[in-house]
Amino acid sequence: LERYARHLVLRQVGGPGQAKICAASVLVV
């Protein structure tokens, strides 16, 4: 909650958006 605080206060992101980010997986080639 502290680490991602600036994401969480974004109306378009918030808790649900950050949860999606934390659940996502990305392969960088």
mmCIF file of all heavy atoms, coordinates in Angstrom:
data_MODEL
# 
_entry.id   MODEL 
# 
loop_
_atom_site.group_PDB 
_atom_site.id 
_atom_site.type_symbol 
_atom_site.label_atom_id 
_atom_site.label_alt_id 
_atom_site.label_comp_id 
_atom_site.label_asym_id 
_atom_site.label_entity_id 
_atom_site.label_seq_id 
_atom_site.pdbx_PDB_ins_code 
_atom_site.Cartn_x 
_atom_site.Cartn_y 
_atom_site.Cartn_z 
_atom_site.occupancy 
_atom_site.B_iso_or_equiv 
_atom_site.pdbx_formal_charge 
_atom_site.auth_seq_id 
_atom_site.auth_comp_id 
_atom_site.auth_asym_id 
_atom_site.auth_atom_id 
_atom_site.pdbx_PDB_model_num 
ATOM 1   N N   . LEU A 1 1  ? 0.828   -1.206  0.000   1.00 0.00 ? 1  LEU A N   1 
ATOM 2   C CA  . LEU A 1 1  ? 0.000   0.000   0.000   1.00 0.00 ? 1  LEU A CA  1 
ATOM 3   C C   . LEU A 1 1  ? 0.860   1.254   0.000   1.00 0.00 ? 1  LEU A C   1 
ATOM 4   O O   . LEU A 1 1  ? 0.529   2.248   -0.652  1.00 0.00 ? 1  LEU A O   1 
ATOM 5   C CB  . LEU A 1 1  ? -0.926  -0.010  1.229   1.00 0.00 ? 1  LEU A CB  1 
ATOM 6   C CG  . LEU A 1 1  ? -2.064  -1.035  1.208   1.00 0.00 ? 1  LEU A CG  1 
ATOM 7   C CD1 . LEU A 1 1  ? -2.778  -1.058  2.551   1.00 0.00 ? 1  LEU A CD1 1 
ATOM 8   C CD2 . LEU A 1 1  ? -3.047  -0.736  0.088   1.00 0.00 ? 1  LEU A CD2 1 
ATOM 9   N N   . GLU A 1 2  ? 1.970   1.208   0.744   1.00 0.00 ? 2  GLU A N   1 
ATOM 10  C CA  . GLU A 1 2  ? 2.876   2.361   0.750   1.00 0.00 ? 2  GLU A CA  1 
ATOM 11  C C   . GLU A 1 2  ? 3.684   2.435   -0.535  1.00 0.00 ? 2  GLU A C   1 
ATOM 12  O O   . GLU A 1 2  ? 3.847   3.510   -1.126  1.00 0.00 ? 2  GLU A O   1 
ATOM 13  C CB  . GLU A 1 2  ? 3.815   2.285   1.947   1.00 0.00 ? 2  GLU A CB  1 
ATOM 14  C CG  . GLU A 1 2  ? 4.758   3.482   2.044   1.00 0.00 ? 2  GLU A CG  1 
ATOM 15  C CD  . GLU A 1 2  ? 5.613   3.458   3.291   1.00 0.00 ? 2  GLU A CD  1 
ATOM 16  O OE1 . GLU A 1 2  ? 5.451   2.545   4.124   1.00 0.00 ? 2  GLU A OE1 1 
ATOM 17  O OE2 . GLU A 1 2  ? 6.458   4.372   3.435   1.00 0.00 ? 2  GLU A OE2 1 
ATOM 18  N N   . ARG A 1 3  ? 4.199   1.286   -1.002  1.00 0.00 ? 3  ARG A N   1 
ATOM 19  C CA  . ARG A 1 3  ? 5.038   1.262   -2.191  1.00 0.00 ? 3  ARG A CA  1 
ATOM 20  C C   . ARG A 1 3  ? 4.278   1.780   -3.423  1.00 0.00 ? 3  ARG A C   1 
ATOM 21  O O   . ARG A 1 3  ? 4.822   2.520   -4.241  1.00 0.00 ? 3  ARG A O   1 
ATOM 22  C CB  . ARG A 1 3  ? 5.545   -0.163  -2.445  1.00 0.00 ? 3  ARG A CB  1 
ATOM 23  C CG  . ARG A 1 3  ? 6.440   -0.288  -3.684  1.00 0.00 ? 3  ARG A CG  1 
ATOM 24  C CD  . ARG A 1 3  ? 6.855   -1.731  -3.908  1.00 0.00 ? 3  ARG A CD  1 
ATOM 25  N NE  . ARG A 1 3  ? 7.813   -2.202  -2.916  1.00 0.00 ? 3  ARG A NE  1 
ATOM 26  C CZ  . ARG A 1 3  ? 9.130   -2.063  -3.031  1.00 0.00 ? 3  ARG A CZ  1 
ATOM 27  N NH1 . ARG A 1 3  ? 9.656   -1.455  -4.080  1.00 0.00 ? 3  ARG A NH1 1 
ATOM 28  N NH2 . ARG A 1 3  ? 9.927   -2.539  -2.089  1.00 0.00 ? 3  ARG A NH2 1 
ATOM 29  N N   . TYR A 1 4  ? 3.026   1.384   -3.556  1.00 0.00 ? 4  TYR A N   1 
ATOM 30  C CA  . TYR A 1 4  ? 2.257   1.734   -4.751  1.00 0.00 ? 4  TYR A CA  1 
ATOM 31  C C   . TYR A 1 4  ? 1.258   2.860   -4.501  1.00 0.00 ? 4  TYR A C   1 
ATOM 32  O O   . TYR A 1 4  ? 0.284   3.017   -5.232  1.00 0.00 ? 4  TYR A O   1 
ATOM 33  C CB  . TYR A 1 4  ? 1.524   0.492   -5.269  1.00 0.00 ? 4  TYR A CB  1 
ATOM 34  C CG  . TYR A 1 4  ? 2.444   -0.693  -5.489  1.00 0.00 ? 4  TYR A CG  1 
ATOM 35  C CD1 . TYR A 1 4  ? 2.186   -1.921  -4.876  1.00 0.00 ? 4  TYR A CD1 1 
ATOM 36  C CD2 . TYR A 1 4  ? 3.582   -0.577  -6.276  1.00 0.00 ? 4  TYR A CD2 1 
ATOM 37  C CE1 . TYR A 1 4  ? 3.037   -3.000  -5.051  1.00 0.00 ? 4  TYR A CE1 1 
ATOM 38  C CE2 . TYR A 1 4  ? 4.442   -1.652  -6.452  1.00 0.00 ? 4  TYR A CE2 1 
ATOM 39  C CZ  . TYR A 1 4  ? 4.165   -2.860  -5.834  1.00 0.00 ? 4  TYR A CZ  1 
ATOM 40  O OH  . TYR A 1 4  ? 5.019   -3.921  -6.012  1.00 0.00 ? 4  TYR A OH  1 
ATOM 41  N N   . ALA A 1 5  ? 1.524   3.659   -3.468  1.00 0.00 ? 5  ALA A N   1 
ATOM 42  C CA  . ALA A 1 5  ? 0.582   4.702   -3.069  1.00 0.00 ? 5  ALA A CA  1 
ATOM 43  C C   . ALA A 1 5  ? 0.240   5.663   -4.197  1.00 0.00 ? 5  ALA A C   1 
ATOM 44  O O   . ALA A 1 5  ? -0.917  6.092   -4.335  1.00 0.00 ? 5  ALA A O   1 
ATOM 45  C CB  . ALA A 1 5  ? 1.150   5.480   -1.869  1.00 0.00 ? 5  ALA A CB  1 
ATOM 46  N N   . ARG A 1 6  ? 1.238   6.008   -5.036  1.00 0.00 ? 6  ARG A N   1 
ATOM 47  C CA  . ARG A 1 6  ? 0.963   6.982   -6.106  1.00 0.00 ? 6  ARG A CA  1 
ATOM 48  C C   . ARG A 1 6  ? 0.142   6.367   -7.230  1.00 0.00 ? 6  ARG A C   1 
ATOM 49  O O   . ARG A 1 6  ? -0.462  7.094   -8.013  1.00 0.00 ? 6  ARG A O   1 
ATOM 50  C CB  . ARG A 1 6  ? 2.279   7.553   -6.650  1.00 0.00 ? 6  ARG A CB  1 
ATOM 51  C CG  . ARG A 1 6  ? 3.120   8.283   -5.618  1.00 0.00 ? 6  ARG A CG  1 
ATOM 52  C CD  . ARG A 1 6  ? 2.347   9.436   -4.944  1.00 0.00 ? 6  ARG A CD  1 
ATOM 53  N NE  . ARG A 1 6  ? 3.189   10.168  -4.031  1.00 0.00 ? 6  ARG A NE  1 
ATOM 54  C CZ  . ARG A 1 6  ? 3.368   9.873   -2.752  1.00 0.00 ? 6  ARG A CZ  1 
ATOM 55  N NH1 . ARG A 1 6  ? 2.742   8.823   -2.218  1.00 0.00 ? 6  ARG A NH1 1 
ATOM 56  N NH2 . ARG A 1 6  ? 4.155   10.605  -1.979  1.00 0.00 ? 6  ARG A NH2 1 
ATOM 57  N N   . HIS A 1 7  ? 0.125   5.050   -7.333  1.00 0.00 ? 7  HIS A N   1 
ATOM 58  C CA  . HIS A 1 7  ? -0.799  4.386   -8.254  1.00 0.00 ? 7  HIS A CA  1 
ATOM 59  C C   . HIS A 1 7  ? -2.198  4.330   -7.642  1.00 0.00 ? 7  HIS A C   1 
ATOM 60  O O   . HIS A 1 7  ? -3.199  4.546   -8.326  1.00 0.00 ? 7  HIS A O   1 
ATOM 61  C CB  . HIS A 1 7  ? -0.348  2.951   -8.541  1.00 0.00 ? 7  HIS A CB  1 
ATOM 62  C CG  . HIS A 1 7  ? 0.714   2.841   -9.575  1.00 0.00 ? 7  HIS A CG  1 
ATOM 63  N ND1 . HIS A 1 7  ? 1.293   1.635   -9.917  1.00 0.00 ? 7  HIS A ND1 1 
ATOM 64  C CD2 . HIS A 1 7  ? 1.317   3.773   -10.354 1.00 0.00 ? 7  HIS A CD2 1 
ATOM 65  C CE1 . HIS A 1 7  ? 2.203   1.831   -10.856 1.00 0.00 ? 7  HIS A CE1 1 
ATOM 66  N NE2 . HIS A 1 7  ? 2.241   3.120   -11.119 1.00 0.00 ? 7  HIS A NE2 1 
ATOM 67  N N   . LEU A 1 8  ? -2.256  4.040   -6.367  1.00 0.00 ? 8  LEU A N   1 
ATOM 68  C CA  . LEU A 1 8  ? -3.535  3.812   -5.715  1.00 0.00 ? 8  LEU A CA  1 
ATOM 69  C C   . LEU A 1 8  ? -4.404  5.062   -5.681  1.00 0.00 ? 8  LEU A C   1 
ATOM 70  O O   . LEU A 1 8  ? -5.633  4.967   -5.682  1.00 0.00 ? 8  LEU A O   1 
ATOM 71  C CB  . LEU A 1 8  ? -3.312  3.290   -4.291  1.00 0.00 ? 8  LEU A CB  1 
ATOM 72  C CG  . LEU A 1 8  ? -2.597  1.930   -4.204  1.00 0.00 ? 8  LEU A CG  1 
ATOM 73  C CD1 . LEU A 1 8  ? -2.274  1.590   -2.751  1.00 0.00 ? 8  LEU A CD1 1 
ATOM 74  C CD2 . LEU A 1 8  ? -3.445  0.838   -4.828  1.00 0.00 ? 8  LEU A CD2 1 
ATOM 75  N N   . VAL A 1 9  ? -3.777  6.232   -5.661  1.00 0.00 ? 9  VAL A N   1 
ATOM 76  C CA  . VAL A 1 9  ? -4.570  7.465   -5.635  1.00 0.00 ? 9  VAL A CA  1 
ATOM 77  C C   . VAL A 1 9  ? -4.993  7.901   -7.030  1.00 0.00 ? 9  VAL A C   1 
ATOM 78  O O   . VAL A 1 9  ? -5.783  8.841   -7.169  1.00 0.00 ? 9  VAL A O   1 
ATOM 79  C CB  . VAL A 1 9  ? -3.805  8.615   -4.930  1.00 0.00 ? 9  VAL A CB  1 
ATOM 80  C CG1 . VAL A 1 9  ? -3.561  8.269   -3.474  1.00 0.00 ? 9  VAL A CG1 1 
ATOM 81  C CG2 . VAL A 1 9  ? -2.504  8.943   -5.644  1.00 0.00 ? 9  VAL A CG2 1 
ATOM 82  N N   . LEU A 1 10 ? -4.477  7.235   -8.060  1.00 0.00 ? 10 LEU A N   1 
ATOM 83  C CA  . LEU A 1 10 ? -4.945  7.522   -9.408  1.00 0.00 ? 10 LEU A CA  1 
ATOM 84  C C   . LEU A 1 10 ? -6.346  6.944   -9.575  1.00 0.00 ? 10 LEU A C   1 
ATOM 85  O O   . LEU A 1 10 ? -6.564  5.740   -9.389  1.00 0.00 ? 10 LEU A O   1 
ATOM 86  C CB  . LEU A 1 10 ? -4.009  6.908   -10.459 1.00 0.00 ? 10 LEU A CB  1 
ATOM 87  C CG  . LEU A 1 10 ? -2.648  7.575   -10.646 1.00 0.00 ? 10 LEU A CG  1 
ATOM 88  C CD1 . LEU A 1 10 ? -1.751  6.704   -11.530 1.00 0.00 ? 10 LEU A CD1 1 
ATOM 89  C CD2 . LEU A 1 10 ? -2.817  8.954   -11.298 1.00 0.00 ? 10 LEU A CD2 1 
ATOM 90  N N   . ARG A 1 11 ? -7.286  7.785   -9.945  1.00 0.00 ? 11 ARG A N   1 
ATOM 91  C CA  . ARG A 1 11 ? -8.675  7.334   -10.051 1.00 0.00 ? 11 ARG A CA  1 
ATOM 92  C C   . ARG A 1 11 ? -8.822  6.185   -11.038 1.00 0.00 ? 11 ARG A C   1 
ATOM 93  O O   . ARG A 1 11 ? -9.602  5.255   -10.830 1.00 0.00 ? 11 ARG A O   1 
ATOM 94  C CB  . ARG A 1 11 ? -9.562  8.518   -10.472 1.00 0.00 ? 11 ARG A CB  1 
ATOM 95  C CG  . ARG A 1 11 ? -11.034 8.165   -10.659 1.00 0.00 ? 11 ARG A CG  1 
ATOM 96  C CD  . ARG A 1 11 ? -11.846 9.421   -10.944 1.00 0.00 ? 11 ARG A CD  1 
ATOM 97  N NE  . ARG A 1 11 ? -11.302 10.163  -12.071 1.00 0.00 ? 11 ARG A NE  1 
ATOM 98  C CZ  . ARG A 1 11 ? -11.593 9.885   -13.346 1.00 0.00 ? 11 ARG A CZ  1 
ATOM 99  N NH1 . ARG A 1 11 ? -12.381 8.867   -13.637 1.00 0.00 ? 11 ARG A NH1 1 
ATOM 100 N NH2 . ARG A 1 11 ? -11.073 10.614  -14.324 1.00 0.00 ? 11 ARG A NH2 1 
ATOM 101 N N   . GLN A 1 12 ? -8.043  6.223   -12.133 1.00 0.00 ? 12 GLN A N   1 
ATOM 102 C CA  . GLN A 1 12 ? -8.173  5.196   -13.158 1.00 0.00 ? 12 GLN A CA  1 
ATOM 103 C C   . GLN A 1 12 ? -7.490  3.876   -12.773 1.00 0.00 ? 12 GLN A C   1 
ATOM 104 O O   . GLN A 1 12 ? -7.695  2.864   -13.431 1.00 0.00 ? 12 GLN A O   1 
ATOM 105 C CB  . GLN A 1 12 ? -7.590  5.703   -14.484 1.00 0.00 ? 12 GLN A CB  1 
ATOM 106 C CG  . GLN A 1 12 ? -8.290  6.918   -15.056 1.00 0.00 ? 12 GLN A CG  1 
ATOM 107 C CD  . GLN A 1 12 ? -7.678  8.222   -14.569 1.00 0.00 ? 12 GLN A CD  1 
ATOM 108 O OE1 . GLN A 1 12 ? -7.024  8.256   -13.515 1.00 0.00 ? 12 GLN A OE1 1 
ATOM 109 N NE2 . GLN A 1 12 ? -7.874  9.284   -15.327 1.00 0.00 ? 12 GLN A NE2 1 
ATOM 110 N N   . VAL A 1 13 ? -6.642  3.916   -11.754 1.00 0.00 ? 13 VAL A N   1 
ATOM 111 C CA  . VAL A 1 13 ? -5.926  2.710   -11.323 1.00 0.00 ? 13 VAL A CA  1 
ATOM 112 C C   . VAL A 1 13 ? -6.515  2.194   -10.025 1.00 0.00 ? 13 VAL A C   1 
ATOM 113 O O   . VAL A 1 13 ? -7.208  1.181   -10.004 1.00 0.00 ? 13 VAL A O   1 
ATOM 114 C CB  . VAL A 1 13 ? -4.416  2.982   -11.175 1.00 0.00 ? 13 VAL A CB  1 
ATOM 115 C CG1 . VAL A 1 13 ? -3.687  1.707   -10.734 1.00 0.00 ? 13 VAL A CG1 1 
ATOM 116 C CG2 . VAL A 1 13 ? -3.827  3.485   -12.476 1.00 0.00 ? 13 VAL A CG2 1 
ATOM 117 N N   . GLY A 1 14 ? -6.224  2.884   -8.923  1.00 0.00 ? 14 GLY A N   1 
ATOM 118 C CA  . GLY A 1 14 ? -6.764  2.490   -7.635  1.00 0.00 ? 14 GLY A CA  1 
ATOM 119 C C   . GLY A 1 14 ? -6.353  1.085   -7.234  1.00 0.00 ? 14 GLY A C   1 
ATOM 120 O O   . GLY A 1 14 ? -5.448  0.475   -7.807  1.00 0.00 ? 14 GLY A O   1 
ATOM 121 N N   . GLY A 1 15 ? -7.052  0.552   -6.238  1.00 0.00 ? 15 GLY A N   1 
ATOM 122 C CA  . GLY A 1 15 ? -6.761  -0.788  -5.763  1.00 0.00 ? 15 GLY A CA  1 
ATOM 123 C C   . GLY A 1 15 ? -7.000  -1.870  -6.805  1.00 0.00 ? 15 GLY A C   1 
ATOM 124 O O   . GLY A 1 15 ? -6.154  -2.752  -6.994  1.00 0.00 ? 15 GLY A O   1 
ATOM 125 N N   . PRO A 1 16 ? -8.141  -1.828  -7.522  1.00 0.00 ? 16 PRO A N   1 
ATOM 126 C CA  . PRO A 1 16 ? -8.390  -2.862  -8.531  1.00 0.00 ? 16 PRO A CA  1 
ATOM 127 C C   . PRO A 1 16 ? -7.355  -2.875  -9.649  1.00 0.00 ? 16 PRO A C   1 
ATOM 128 O O   . PRO A 1 16 ? -6.907  -3.943  -10.083 1.00 0.00 ? 16 PRO A O   1 
ATOM 129 C CB  . PRO A 1 16 ? -9.781  -2.486  -9.064  1.00 0.00 ? 16 PRO A CB  1 
ATOM 130 C CG  . PRO A 1 16 ? -10.438 -1.758  -7.946  1.00 0.00 ? 16 PRO A CG  1 
ATOM 131 C CD  . PRO A 1 16 ? -9.330  -0.979  -7.302  1.00 0.00 ? 16 PRO A CD  1 
ATOM 132 N N   . GLY A 1 17 ? -6.936  -1.696  -10.110 1.00 0.00 ? 17 GLY A N   1 
ATOM 133 C CA  . GLY A 1 17 ? -5.940  -1.629  -11.171 1.00 0.00 ? 17 GLY A CA  1 
ATOM 134 C C   . GLY A 1 17 ? -4.586  -2.121  -10.716 1.00 0.00 ? 17 GLY A C   1 
ATOM 135 O O   . GLY A 1 17 ? -3.899  -2.852  -11.430 1.00 0.00 ? 17 GLY A O   1 
ATOM 136 N N   . GLN A 1 18 ? -4.190  -1.741  -9.485  1.00 0.00 ? 18 GLN A N   1 
ATOM 137 C CA  . GLN A 1 18 ? -2.913  -2.208  -8.965  1.00 0.00 ? 18 GLN A CA  1 
ATOM 138 C C   . GLN A 1 18 ? -2.942  -3.717  -8.746  1.00 0.00 ? 18 GLN A C   1 
ATOM 139 O O   . GLN A 1 18 ? -1.935  -4.405  -8.969  1.00 0.00 ? 18 GLN A O   1 
ATOM 140 C CB  . GLN A 1 18 ? -2.565  -1.499  -7.658  1.00 0.00 ? 18 GLN A CB  1 
ATOM 141 C CG  . GLN A 1 18 ? -1.194  -1.849  -7.111  1.00 0.00 ? 18 GLN A CG  1 
ATOM 142 C CD  . GLN A 1 18 ? -0.063  -1.462  -8.059  1.00 0.00 ? 18 GLN A CD  1 
ATOM 143 O OE1 . GLN A 1 18 ? -0.036  -0.367  -8.594  1.00 0.00 ? 18 GLN A OE1 1 
ATOM 144 N NE2 . GLN A 1 18 ? 0.865   -2.380  -8.279  1.00 0.00 ? 18 GLN A NE2 1 
ATOM 145 N N   . ALA A 1 19 ? -4.069  -4.245  -8.337  1.00 0.00 ? 19 ALA A N   1 
ATOM 146 C CA  . ALA A 1 19 ? -4.189  -5.688  -8.163  1.00 0.00 ? 19 ALA A CA  1 
ATOM 147 C C   . ALA A 1 19 ? -3.993  -6.415  -9.488  1.00 0.00 ? 19 ALA A C   1 
ATOM 148 O O   . ALA A 1 19 ? -3.366  -7.481  -9.540  1.00 0.00 ? 19 ALA A O   1 
ATOM 149 C CB  . ALA A 1 19 ? -5.553  -6.032  -7.565  1.00 0.00 ? 19 ALA A CB  1 
ATOM 150 N N   . LYS A 1 20 ? -4.512  -5.835  -10.568 1.00 0.00 ? 20 LYS A N   1 
ATOM 151 C CA  . LYS A 1 20 ? -4.322  -6.426  -11.897 1.00 0.00 ? 20 LYS A CA  1 
ATOM 152 C C   . LYS A 1 20 ? -2.847  -6.395  -12.295 1.00 0.00 ? 20 LYS A C   1 
ATOM 153 O O   . LYS A 1 20 ? -2.328  -7.352  -12.872 1.00 0.00 ? 20 LYS A O   1 
ATOM 154 C CB  . LYS A 1 20 ? -5.154  -5.681  -12.938 1.00 0.00 ? 20 LYS A CB  1 
ATOM 155 C CG  . LYS A 1 20 ? -6.649  -5.895  -12.812 1.00 0.00 ? 20 LYS A CG  1 
ATOM 156 C CD  . LYS A 1 20 ? -7.398  -5.092  -13.870 1.00 0.00 ? 20 LYS A CD  1 
ATOM 157 C CE  . LYS A 1 20 ? -8.899  -5.269  -13.740 1.00 0.00 ? 20 LYS A CE  1 
ATOM 158 N NZ  . LYS A 1 20 ? -9.638  -4.460  -14.760 1.00 0.00 ? 20 LYS A NZ  1 
ATOM 159 N N   . ILE A 1 21 ? -2.185  -5.277  -11.997 1.00 0.00 ? 21 ILE A N   1 
ATOM 160 C CA  . ILE A 1 21 ? -0.757  -5.168  -12.297 1.00 0.00 ? 21 ILE A CA  1 
ATOM 161 C C   . ILE A 1 21 ? 0.028   -6.218  -11.516 1.00 0.00 ? 21 ILE A C   1 
ATOM 162 O O   . ILE A 1 21 ? 0.893   -6.910  -12.068 1.00 0.00 ? 21 ILE A O   1 
ATOM 163 C CB  . ILE A 1 21 ? -0.248  -3.745  -11.970 1.00 0.00 ? 21 ILE A CB  1 
ATOM 164 C CG1 . ILE A 1 21 ? -0.859  -2.723  -12.947 1.00 0.00 ? 21 ILE A CG1 1 
ATOM 165 C CG2 . ILE A 1 21 ? 1.276   -3.685  -12.024 1.00 0.00 ? 21 ILE A CG2 1 
ATOM 166 C CD1 . ILE A 1 21 ? -0.565  -1.270  -12.592 1.00 0.00 ? 21 ILE A CD1 1 
ATOM 167 N N   . CYS A 1 22 ? -0.282  -6.370  -10.243 1.00 0.00 ? 22 CYS A N   1 
ATOM 168 C CA  . CYS A 1 22 ? 0.438   -7.318  -9.401  1.00 0.00 ? 22 CYS A CA  1 
ATOM 169 C C   . CYS A 1 22 ? 0.162   -8.772  -9.796  1.00 0.00 ? 22 CYS A C   1 
ATOM 170 O O   . CYS A 1 22 ? 0.964   -9.658  -9.497  1.00 0.00 ? 22 CYS A O   1 
ATOM 171 C CB  . CYS A 1 22 ? 0.065   -7.110  -7.938  1.00 0.00 ? 22 CYS A CB  1 
ATOM 172 S SG  . CYS A 1 22 ? 0.700   -5.568  -7.217  1.00 0.00 ? 22 CYS A SG  1 
ATOM 173 N N   . ALA A 1 23 ? -0.949  -9.004  -10.466 1.00 0.00 ? 23 ALA A N   1 
ATOM 174 C CA  . ALA A 1 23 ? -1.292  -10.359 -10.888 1.00 0.00 ? 23 ALA A CA  1 
ATOM 175 C C   . ALA A 1 23 ? -0.784  -10.687 -12.284 1.00 0.00 ? 23 ALA A C   1 
ATOM 176 O O   . ALA A 1 23 ? -0.844  -11.845 -12.702 1.00 0.00 ? 23 ALA A O   1 
ATOM 177 C CB  . ALA A 1 23 ? -2.813  -10.551 -10.842 1.00 0.00 ? 23 ALA A CB  1 
ATOM 178 N N   . ALA A 1 24 ? -0.280  -9.691  -13.003 1.00 0.00 ? 24 ALA A N   1 
ATOM 179 C CA  . ALA A 1 24 ? 0.118   -9.878  -14.398 1.00 0.00 ? 24 ALA A CA  1 
ATOM 180 C C   . ALA A 1 24 ? 1.523   -10.443 -14.514 1.00 0.00 ? 24 ALA A C   1 
ATOM 181 O O   . ALA A 1 24 ? 2.365   -10.273 -13.624 1.00 0.00 ? 24 ALA A O   1 
ATOM 182 C CB  . ALA A 1 24 ? 0.028   -8.549  -15.146 1.00 0.00 ? 24 ALA A CB  1 
ATOM 183 N N   . SER A 1 25 ? 1.772   -11.097 -15.640 1.00 0.00 ? 25 SER A N   1 
ATOM 184 C CA  . SER A 1 25 ? 3.111   -11.608 -15.944 1.00 0.00 ? 25 SER A CA  1 
ATOM 185 C C   . SER A 1 25 ? 3.534   -11.106 -17.313 1.00 0.00 ? 25 SER A C   1 
ATOM 186 O O   . SER A 1 25 ? 2.737   -11.074 -18.254 1.00 0.00 ? 25 SER A O   1 
ATOM 187 C CB  . SER A 1 25 ? 3.118   -13.138 -15.913 1.00 0.00 ? 25 SER A CB  1 
ATOM 188 O OG  . SER A 1 25 ? 2.178   -13.679 -16.825 1.00 0.00 ? 25 SER A OG  1 
ATOM 189 N N   . VAL A 1 26 ? 4.787   -10.691 -17.418 1.00 0.00 ? 26 VAL A N   1 
ATOM 190 C CA  . VAL A 1 26 ? 5.307   -10.093 -18.650 1.00 0.00 ? 26 VAL A CA  1 
ATOM 191 C C   . VAL A 1 26 ? 6.652   -10.706 -18.994 1.00 0.00 ? 26 VAL A C   1 
ATOM 192 O O   . VAL A 1 26 ? 7.521   -10.838 -18.123 1.00 0.00 ? 26 VAL A O   1 
ATOM 193 C CB  . VAL A 1 26 ? 5.471   -8.557  -18.506 1.00 0.00 ? 26 VAL A CB  1 
ATOM 194 C CG1 . VAL A 1 26 ? 6.006   -7.951  -19.801 1.00 0.00 ? 26 VAL A CG1 1 
ATOM 195 C CG2 . VAL A 1 26 ? 4.149   -7.904  -18.115 1.00 0.00 ? 26 VAL A CG2 1 
ATOM 196 N N   . LEU A 1 27 ? 6.816   -11.068 -20.249 1.00 0.00 ? 27 LEU A N   1 
ATOM 197 C CA  . LEU A 1 27 ? 8.101   -11.555 -20.744 1.00 0.00 ? 27 LEU A CA  1 
ATOM 198 C C   . LEU A 1 27 ? 8.776   -10.440 -21.530 1.00 0.00 ? 27 LEU A C   1 
ATOM 199 O O   . LEU A 1 27 ? 8.213   -9.938  -22.509 1.00 0.00 ? 27 LEU A O   1 
ATOM 200 C CB  . LEU A 1 27 ? 7.905   -12.777 -21.649 1.00 0.00 ? 27 LEU A CB  1 
ATOM 201 C CG  . LEU A 1 27 ? 9.194   -13.424 -22.165 1.00 0.00 ? 27 LEU A CG  1 
ATOM 202 C CD1 . LEU A 1 27 ? 9.970   -14.076 -21.025 1.00 0.00 ? 27 LEU A CD1 1 
ATOM 203 C CD2 . LEU A 1 27 ? 8.894   -14.455 -23.253 1.00 0.00 ? 27 LEU A CD2 1 
ATOM 204 N N   . VAL A 1 28 ? 9.959   -10.040 -21.111 1.00 0.00 ? 28 VAL A N   1 
ATOM 205 C CA  . VAL A 1 28 ? 10.732  -9.016  -21.794 1.00 0.00 ? 28 VAL A CA  1 
ATOM 206 C C   . VAL A 1 28 ? 11.825  -9.711  -22.599 1.00 0.00 ? 28 VAL A C   1 
ATOM 207 O O   . VAL A 1 28 ? 12.709  -10.352 -22.022 1.00 0.00 ? 28 VAL A O   1 
ATOM 208 C CB  . VAL A 1 28 ? 11.354  -8.007  -20.800 1.00 0.00 ? 28 VAL A CB  1 
ATOM 209 C CG1 . VAL A 1 28 ? 12.170  -6.952  -21.545 1.00 0.00 ? 28 VAL A CG1 1 
ATOM 210 C CG2 . VAL A 1 28 ? 10.260  -7.343  -19.966 1.00 0.00 ? 28 VAL A CG2 1 
ATOM 211 N N   . VAL A 1 29 ? 11.759  -9.572  -23.908 1.00 0.00 ? 29 VAL A N   1 
ATOM 212 C CA  . VAL A 1 29 ? 12.741  -10.214 -24.785 1.00 0.00 ? 29 VAL A CA  1 
ATOM 213 C C   . VAL A 1 29 ? 13.784  -9.176  -25.179 1.00 0.00 ? 29 VAL A C   1 
ATOM 214 O O   . VAL A 1 29 ? 13.484  -8.208  -25.878 1.00 0.00 ? 29 VAL A O   1 
ATOM 215 C CB  . VAL A 1 29 ? 12.064  -10.805 -26.036 1.00 0.00 ? 29 VAL A CB  1 
ATOM 216 C CG1 . VAL A 1 29 ? 13.112  -11.457 -26.943 1.00 0.00 ? 29 VAL A CG1 1 
ATOM 217 C CG2 . VAL A 1 29 ? 11.007  -11.825 -25.630 1.00 0.00 ? 29 VAL A CG2 1 
# 
